[in-house]
N, C-alpha and C. Protein backbone atom coordinates (compact mmCIF):
# COMPACT_ATOMS: atom_id res chain seq x y z
N MET A 1 20.47 1.09 -19.86
CA MET A 1 20.14 0.34 -18.88
C MET A 1 21.38 -0.41 -18.47
N ASN A 2 21.40 -0.88 -17.36
CA ASN A 2 22.66 -1.29 -16.72
C ASN A 2 22.17 -2.76 -16.88
N THR A 3 23.10 -3.62 -16.68
CA THR A 3 23.09 -5.31 -16.37
C THR A 3 22.25 -5.69 -15.34
N ASP A 4 22.13 -4.72 -14.34
CA ASP A 4 21.52 -5.04 -12.99
C ASP A 4 20.16 -4.64 -13.21
N GLY A 5 19.46 -4.07 -14.41
CA GLY A 5 18.30 -3.45 -14.58
C GLY A 5 18.33 -2.16 -14.08
N SER A 6 19.38 -1.47 -13.38
CA SER A 6 18.97 0.04 -13.20
C SER A 6 19.52 0.55 -14.19
N PHE A 7 18.91 1.94 -13.92
CA PHE A 7 19.11 3.01 -15.34
C PHE A 7 19.18 4.31 -14.45
N SER A 8 19.46 5.11 -15.35
CA SER A 8 19.35 6.91 -15.36
C SER A 8 19.60 7.26 -16.67
N TYR A 9 18.87 8.64 -16.33
CA TYR A 9 18.94 9.35 -17.62
C TYR A 9 18.72 11.01 -17.24
N SER A 10 18.50 11.46 -18.04
CA SER A 10 18.63 13.57 -17.82
C SER A 10 18.48 13.90 -19.18
N TYR A 11 17.61 15.12 -19.40
CA TYR A 11 17.91 15.94 -20.38
C TYR A 11 17.76 17.16 -20.29
N ALA A 12 17.69 18.25 -20.98
CA ALA A 12 17.30 19.17 -21.12
C ALA A 12 16.68 19.82 -22.27
N THR A 13 15.76 20.64 -22.51
CA THR A 13 15.36 21.21 -23.54
C THR A 13 15.28 22.79 -23.80
N GLY A 14 15.60 23.17 -25.37
CA GLY A 14 15.78 24.79 -25.61
C GLY A 14 14.92 25.56 -24.48
N ASP A 15 13.43 25.10 -24.57
CA ASP A 15 12.66 26.10 -23.53
C ASP A 15 12.88 25.99 -21.83
N GLY A 16 13.89 25.47 -21.51
CA GLY A 16 14.15 25.16 -20.43
C GLY A 16 13.53 23.96 -19.33
N GLN A 17 12.87 23.13 -19.93
CA GLN A 17 12.48 21.87 -19.53
C GLN A 17 13.79 21.17 -19.00
N GLN A 18 13.30 20.62 -17.73
CA GLN A 18 14.83 19.43 -17.28
C GLN A 18 14.24 18.35 -16.86
N VAL A 19 14.51 17.29 -16.88
CA VAL A 19 13.90 15.94 -16.36
C VAL A 19 15.23 15.00 -15.93
N GLN A 20 15.14 14.69 -15.17
CA GLN A 20 16.14 13.44 -14.71
C GLN A 20 15.71 12.19 -13.72
N ALA A 21 15.85 11.27 -14.27
CA ALA A 21 15.30 10.23 -13.34
C ALA A 21 16.37 9.14 -13.30
N GLN A 22 16.18 8.19 -12.09
CA GLN A 22 17.12 7.07 -11.89
C GLN A 22 16.13 5.80 -11.30
N GLY A 23 16.42 4.88 -11.63
CA GLY A 23 15.61 3.48 -11.02
C GLY A 23 16.56 2.34 -10.61
N TYR A 24 15.76 1.38 -10.18
CA TYR A 24 16.98 0.00 -9.47
C TYR A 24 15.81 -0.76 -8.88
N LEU A 25 16.33 -2.18 -8.64
CA LEU A 25 15.20 -3.24 -8.07
C LEU A 25 15.61 -3.08 -6.79
N LYS A 26 14.95 -3.18 -6.20
CA LYS A 26 15.31 -2.84 -4.40
C LYS A 26 14.91 -4.29 -4.12
N ASN A 27 15.79 -4.84 -3.33
CA ASN A 27 15.53 -6.14 -2.96
C ASN A 27 15.46 -7.01 -3.88
N PRO A 28 16.49 -7.73 -4.64
CA PRO A 28 16.38 -8.42 -5.72
C PRO A 28 16.50 -9.72 -5.19
N GLY A 29 15.38 -10.61 -5.70
CA GLY A 29 15.40 -12.05 -5.75
C GLY A 29 14.70 -12.53 -4.16
N VAL A 30 14.25 -11.58 -3.77
CA VAL A 30 13.93 -11.53 -2.00
C VAL A 30 12.37 -11.85 -2.47
N LYS A 31 11.50 -13.04 -2.47
CA LYS A 31 10.13 -13.04 -2.77
C LYS A 31 9.34 -12.16 -1.99
N ASP A 32 8.12 -11.59 -2.30
CA ASP A 32 7.24 -10.78 -1.37
C ASP A 32 7.97 -9.50 -1.08
N ASN A 33 9.17 -9.02 -1.42
CA ASN A 33 9.89 -8.29 -0.83
C ASN A 33 10.52 -7.17 -2.33
N GLU A 34 10.55 -7.72 -3.18
CA GLU A 34 11.26 -6.93 -4.19
C GLU A 34 10.18 -6.06 -4.66
N ALA A 35 10.93 -4.80 -5.27
CA ALA A 35 10.42 -3.70 -5.55
C ALA A 35 11.16 -2.99 -6.44
N GLU A 36 10.58 -2.70 -7.46
CA GLU A 36 10.99 -1.50 -8.38
C GLU A 36 10.89 0.02 -7.64
N VAL A 37 12.25 0.82 -8.02
CA VAL A 37 12.27 2.11 -7.32
C VAL A 37 12.75 3.18 -8.71
N ILE A 38 11.92 4.16 -8.55
CA ILE A 38 12.17 5.19 -9.51
C ILE A 38 11.73 6.59 -8.62
N GLN A 39 13.23 7.43 -8.85
CA GLN A 39 13.11 8.34 -8.26
C GLN A 39 13.69 9.54 -9.18
N GLY A 40 13.01 10.71 -9.10
CA GLY A 40 13.64 11.66 -10.37
C GLY A 40 13.08 13.39 -9.68
N SER A 41 12.84 14.39 -11.26
CA SER A 41 12.55 15.47 -10.97
C SER A 41 12.38 15.78 -12.24
N TYR A 42 11.37 17.04 -12.52
CA TYR A 42 11.44 17.65 -13.59
C TYR A 42 10.83 18.87 -13.21
N SER A 43 11.56 19.87 -14.24
CA SER A 43 11.19 21.18 -13.96
C SER A 43 11.17 21.83 -15.16
N TYR A 44 9.77 23.19 -15.26
CA TYR A 44 9.26 23.64 -16.27
C TYR A 44 8.79 25.39 -15.83
N THR A 45 8.89 25.62 -17.03
CA THR A 45 8.28 27.54 -16.67
C THR A 45 6.77 27.42 -16.77
N ALA A 46 5.73 27.66 -15.67
CA ALA A 46 4.63 27.36 -15.98
C ALA A 46 4.06 28.77 -16.74
N PRO A 47 2.84 28.84 -17.74
CA PRO A 47 2.52 29.80 -18.76
C PRO A 47 2.39 31.44 -18.09
N ASP A 48 2.42 31.39 -16.53
CA ASP A 48 2.14 32.41 -16.16
C ASP A 48 3.87 33.28 -15.51
N GLY A 49 4.67 32.36 -16.00
CA GLY A 49 6.16 32.62 -15.65
C GLY A 49 6.80 31.91 -14.53
N THR A 50 5.91 31.04 -13.63
CA THR A 50 6.36 30.94 -12.43
C THR A 50 7.23 29.43 -12.78
N PRO A 51 8.25 29.37 -11.82
CA PRO A 51 9.29 28.04 -12.21
C PRO A 51 8.77 27.11 -10.98
N ILE A 52 8.37 25.81 -12.14
CA ILE A 52 7.63 24.51 -11.45
C ILE A 52 8.74 23.40 -11.32
N THR A 53 9.23 22.75 -10.15
CA THR A 53 10.09 21.44 -9.99
C THR A 53 9.14 20.93 -9.03
N VAL A 54 9.41 19.47 -9.70
CA VAL A 54 8.78 18.43 -8.79
C VAL A 54 9.61 17.32 -8.67
N THR A 55 9.62 16.92 -7.52
CA THR A 55 10.67 15.67 -7.31
C THR A 55 9.85 14.37 -7.07
N TYR A 56 9.98 13.37 -7.10
CA TYR A 56 8.99 12.11 -7.10
C TYR A 56 9.80 10.99 -6.66
N ILE A 57 9.21 9.92 -6.02
CA ILE A 57 9.57 8.64 -5.77
C ILE A 57 8.36 7.77 -6.31
N ALA A 58 8.60 6.95 -6.69
CA ALA A 58 7.61 5.82 -6.83
C ALA A 58 8.38 4.19 -6.52
N ASP A 59 7.64 3.45 -5.56
CA ASP A 59 8.42 2.30 -4.98
C ASP A 59 7.16 1.72 -4.65
N GLU A 60 7.54 0.85 -3.81
CA GLU A 60 6.55 -0.38 -2.94
C GLU A 60 5.55 0.61 -2.15
N LEU A 61 5.63 1.92 -1.77
CA LEU A 61 4.63 2.42 -1.05
C LEU A 61 3.69 3.30 -2.19
N GLY A 62 3.89 3.66 -3.50
CA GLY A 62 3.38 4.22 -4.41
C GLY A 62 4.11 5.31 -5.08
N PHE A 63 3.17 6.30 -5.58
CA PHE A 63 4.14 7.25 -6.23
C PHE A 63 3.68 8.76 -5.34
N ARG A 64 4.83 9.00 -4.95
CA ARG A 64 4.83 10.61 -4.23
C ARG A 64 5.46 11.55 -4.74
N ALA A 65 4.79 13.03 -4.71
CA ALA A 65 5.52 13.68 -5.29
C ALA A 65 5.58 15.19 -4.62
N GLU A 66 6.60 16.16 -4.51
CA GLU A 66 6.32 17.07 -3.82
C GLU A 66 6.99 18.30 -4.33
N GLY A 67 6.63 19.12 -4.69
CA GLY A 67 6.90 20.62 -5.05
C GLY A 67 6.35 21.80 -4.54
N ALA A 68 6.82 22.89 -4.34
CA ALA A 68 6.60 24.26 -3.74
C ALA A 68 5.32 24.20 -4.32
N HIS A 69 4.45 24.25 -5.67
CA HIS A 69 3.39 24.61 -6.08
C HIS A 69 2.16 23.78 -5.55
N LEU A 70 2.70 22.38 -4.96
CA LEU A 70 1.51 21.54 -4.64
C LEU A 70 1.24 21.83 -3.20
N PRO A 71 -0.29 21.34 -3.01
CA PRO A 71 -0.84 21.70 -1.52
C PRO A 71 -0.22 20.20 -0.87
N THR A 72 -0.23 20.77 0.40
CA THR A 72 0.50 19.78 1.59
C THR A 72 -1.02 18.83 2.00
N PRO A 73 -0.69 17.49 2.13
CA PRO A 73 -1.65 16.87 2.46
C PRO A 73 -2.02 17.12 4.07
N PRO A 74 -3.41 16.80 4.56
CA PRO A 74 -3.37 16.64 5.88
C PRO A 74 -2.63 15.58 6.80
N PRO A 75 -2.19 15.62 7.71
CA PRO A 75 -1.39 14.70 8.37
C PRO A 75 -2.70 13.17 8.59
N ILE A 76 -1.58 12.04 8.25
CA ILE A 76 -2.54 10.97 8.41
C ILE A 76 -2.98 10.85 10.25
N PRO A 77 -4.21 10.44 10.55
CA PRO A 77 -4.52 10.18 11.62
C PRO A 77 -3.90 9.17 12.83
N GLU A 78 -4.19 9.51 13.85
CA GLU A 78 -3.26 8.35 14.86
C GLU A 78 -3.57 7.18 14.45
N ALA A 79 -4.96 6.75 14.53
CA ALA A 79 -5.67 5.41 14.76
C ALA A 79 -5.22 4.92 13.29
N ILE A 80 -5.11 5.64 12.28
CA ILE A 80 -4.69 4.67 10.71
C ILE A 80 -3.05 4.59 10.91
N GLN A 81 -2.55 5.68 11.33
CA GLN A 81 -1.20 5.75 11.25
C GLN A 81 -0.74 4.37 12.10
N ARG A 82 -1.33 4.18 13.12
CA ARG A 82 -1.05 2.92 14.52
C ARG A 82 -1.14 1.57 13.17
N ALA A 83 -2.41 1.68 12.67
CA ALA A 83 -2.80 0.21 11.94
C ALA A 83 -1.85 0.12 10.77
N LEU A 84 -1.30 1.23 10.29
CA LEU A 84 -0.62 0.87 9.31
C LEU A 84 1.22 0.28 9.97
N GLU A 85 1.01 0.59 10.86
CA GLU A 85 2.54 0.11 11.86
C GLU A 85 2.15 -1.36 12.08
N LEU A 86 1.00 -1.55 12.85
CA LEU A 86 0.77 -3.06 12.99
C LEU A 86 0.53 -3.64 11.85
N ILE A 87 0.16 -3.13 10.73
CA ILE A 87 0.29 -4.15 9.41
C ILE A 87 1.65 -4.54 8.95
N ALA A 88 2.39 -3.69 9.17
CA ALA A 88 4.18 -3.69 8.78
C ALA A 88 4.70 -4.85 9.53
N GLN A 89 4.45 -4.24 10.87
CA GLN A 89 4.80 -5.50 11.93
C GLN A 89 4.61 -6.89 11.25
N ALA A 90 3.36 -6.81 11.57
CA ALA A 90 2.73 -8.24 11.01
C ALA A 90 3.41 -8.85 9.48
N GLN A 91 3.46 -8.22 8.75
CA GLN A 91 4.17 -8.55 7.50
C GLN A 91 5.37 -8.91 7.62
N LYS A 92 6.50 -8.33 8.57
CA LYS A 92 8.00 -8.67 8.69
C LYS A 92 7.42 -9.53 9.57
N GLN A 93 6.61 -10.18 10.62
CA GLN A 93 6.92 -10.80 11.26
C GLN A 93 5.87 -12.64 10.57
N GLY A 94 5.55 -11.94 9.40
CA GLY A 94 4.62 -13.35 8.68
C GLY A 94 3.48 -13.50 9.43
N THR A 95 2.90 -13.00 10.20
CA THR A 95 1.60 -13.39 10.92
C THR A 95 0.71 -12.77 10.33
N LEU A 96 0.71 -11.59 8.98
CA LEU A 96 -0.81 -11.00 8.49
C LEU A 96 -1.42 -11.62 7.99
N ASP A 97 -2.75 -11.76 8.31
CA ASP A 97 -4.01 -12.38 8.05
C ASP A 97 -4.46 -11.67 6.54
N THR A 98 -4.22 -12.55 5.27
CA THR A 98 -4.24 -12.05 4.16
C THR A 98 -6.03 -12.11 4.05
N GLY A 99 -6.48 -13.06 4.49
CA GLY A 99 -8.03 -13.26 4.10
C GLY A 99 -8.05 -14.55 3.21
N GLU A 100 -6.73 -14.92 2.96
CA GLU A 100 -6.72 -16.20 2.15
C GLU A 100 -7.18 -17.12 2.38
N TYR A 101 -8.06 -18.02 1.86
CA TYR A 101 -8.23 -19.61 2.56
C TYR A 101 -7.11 -20.18 2.76
N ARG A 102 -7.00 -21.15 3.82
CA ARG A 102 -6.23 -21.86 4.53
C ARG A 102 -7.08 -23.16 5.00
N PRO A 103 -7.07 -24.35 4.51
CA PRO A 103 -7.82 -25.33 5.37
C PRO A 103 -7.05 -25.50 6.89
N GLN A 104 -8.20 -25.90 7.51
CA GLN A 104 -7.88 -26.55 9.02
C GLN A 104 -8.15 -27.76 9.21
N HIS A 105 -6.82 -28.64 9.77
CA HIS A 105 -7.76 -29.79 10.19
C HIS A 105 -8.33 -29.62 11.44
N GLN A 106 -9.41 -30.10 11.31
CA GLN A 106 -10.15 -30.03 12.88
C GLN A 106 -10.64 -31.59 13.15
N GLN A 107 -10.55 -31.70 14.34
CA GLN A 107 -11.24 -32.70 14.78
C GLN A 107 -12.61 -32.65 15.44
N HIS A 108 -13.84 -33.39 14.62
CA HIS A 108 -14.80 -33.45 15.52
C HIS A 108 -15.16 -33.87 16.73
N GLN A 109 -15.66 -32.82 17.63
CA GLN A 109 -15.82 -33.21 18.89
C GLN A 109 -17.62 -33.49 19.06
N ARG A 110 -18.08 -34.00 20.30
CA ARG A 110 -19.34 -34.03 20.45
C ARG A 110 -19.94 -32.79 21.20
N PRO A 111 -20.98 -32.47 20.66
CA PRO A 111 -21.08 -30.85 21.28
C PRO A 111 -21.47 -30.92 22.41
N ASN A 112 -21.41 -29.73 23.50
CA ASN A 112 -21.52 -29.94 24.96
C ASN A 112 -22.79 -29.79 25.22
N SER A 113 -23.90 -30.59 25.95
CA SER A 113 -25.13 -30.55 26.21
C SER A 113 -25.59 -29.14 26.66
N SER A 114 -24.70 -28.72 27.40
CA SER A 114 -25.53 -27.46 28.05
C SER A 114 -25.41 -26.19 27.24
N HIS A 115 -24.62 -26.30 25.86
CA HIS A 115 -24.87 -25.36 24.98
C HIS A 115 -25.77 -25.90 23.68
N GLN A 116 -26.12 -27.14 23.83
CA GLN A 116 -27.20 -27.10 22.64
C GLN A 116 -28.71 -25.93 22.70
N GLN A 117 -28.62 -25.73 21.39
CA GLN A 117 -30.22 -24.85 21.05
C GLN A 117 -31.27 -25.75 21.74
N ARG A 118 -31.96 -25.58 22.51
CA ARG A 118 -33.37 -26.00 23.09
C ARG A 118 -34.86 -25.56 21.87
N PRO A 119 -35.48 -26.67 21.52
CA PRO A 119 -36.95 -25.75 20.61
C PRO A 119 -37.52 -24.82 21.60
N THR A 120 -37.89 -24.01 20.87
CA THR A 120 -38.90 -22.67 21.39
C THR A 120 -40.25 -23.10 21.35
N HIS A 121 -41.12 -23.17 22.21
CA HIS A 121 -42.53 -23.35 22.04
C HIS A 121 -43.45 -22.38 22.05
N TYR A 122 -44.31 -22.00 20.69
CA TYR A 122 -45.24 -20.99 21.19
C TYR A 122 -46.53 -21.28 21.33
N PRO A 123 -47.28 -20.49 21.96
CA PRO A 123 -48.64 -21.28 22.00
C PRO A 123 -49.48 -20.80 20.72
N ARG A 124 -50.36 -21.50 20.69
CA ARG A 124 -51.43 -21.68 19.32
C ARG A 124 -51.95 -20.65 19.17
N PRO A 125 -51.94 -20.44 17.91
CA PRO A 125 -52.94 -19.07 17.63
C PRO A 125 -54.07 -18.99 18.03
N PHE A 126 -54.67 -17.73 18.23
CA PHE A 126 -55.76 -17.71 18.80
C PHE A 126 -56.94 -17.92 17.46
N SER A 127 -58.12 -18.30 17.91
CA SER A 127 -59.01 -18.59 16.62
C SER A 127 -60.57 -18.15 17.52
N PHE A 128 -61.32 -17.76 15.99
CA PHE A 128 -62.59 -17.34 16.67
C PHE A 128 -63.48 -17.95 16.46
């Protein structure tokens, strides 16, 4: 490990396994934007003789792995992609509503008489 917190390692075993990875701190010291990033790969031979290689990255967006043997996910629906873009834009501008309570200073106003709820009158029940 380096003094800035970054690291790198790799090794290989006698049976052909190989591993390598490196990591670092992204945006160090930037509140709410600091993230650990680790990227690397590993490879081995499957029991059926198929060579398997996986490359990956883990960061503020989560863990993502790729390999020829892995299925590909369906595309992200357009509406969800647009929502993700709007969220990212709001985060960047500092206007994202997180749902966190923020007290508001409100001035009390007299209700407008045209909007007051009026009592509802119902007829008396029928009796025998």
